[in-house]
């Protein structure tokens, strides 16, 4: 642990940011674990509330379509919502983990930090799918691991873009201060 502390930036601001992003990463991982720990029944209840809202919104259209087609459409929407949830949660994980990696000094190159975060995110996604095998009524899908990786990559790109914008703003501020 002391070795880790020594490798975090010597700048107090960067040290605080590292620990804040690391804490946020752990919180996101806990949230993902909690969602994955829900039984199929609990997970379906959560999805059904979203599905019911969708039914209300598109109800008039569905009434005009054959009932079998409407149910297929609702199942499609429900599955899409689940996949989008994977992307959003893992984008948050990628964002937070890349934020922590950004302020961890021993890794200098951005691509190395991104690769490390993708690796960790992919391993966490795979372990999450294995975990679901042991939860009542849940299944594991390899496709979900790839969807998780897409989410992590999106989170990395958002953090990278945000970091670049902030750094250019700071550089402009310093240039104006020198004049």
Foldseek 3Di string as FASTA:
>chain_A
DVVQVVQFDPDPVLNVQLVVLVVQLVVLLVVLLVLLQDAPVVNVVVLVVVLVVVCVVCVVVLVVDPVVVSVVVSVVVSVVVVLVVLLQSLLSNLQSQLSNLVRRHVDDDSVVSLVVSLVVQLVSQVVSLVSSVPHHHGHHDPVSSVSSSNSSNNSNVVNVVVVVVVVVVVVVVVVVVVD
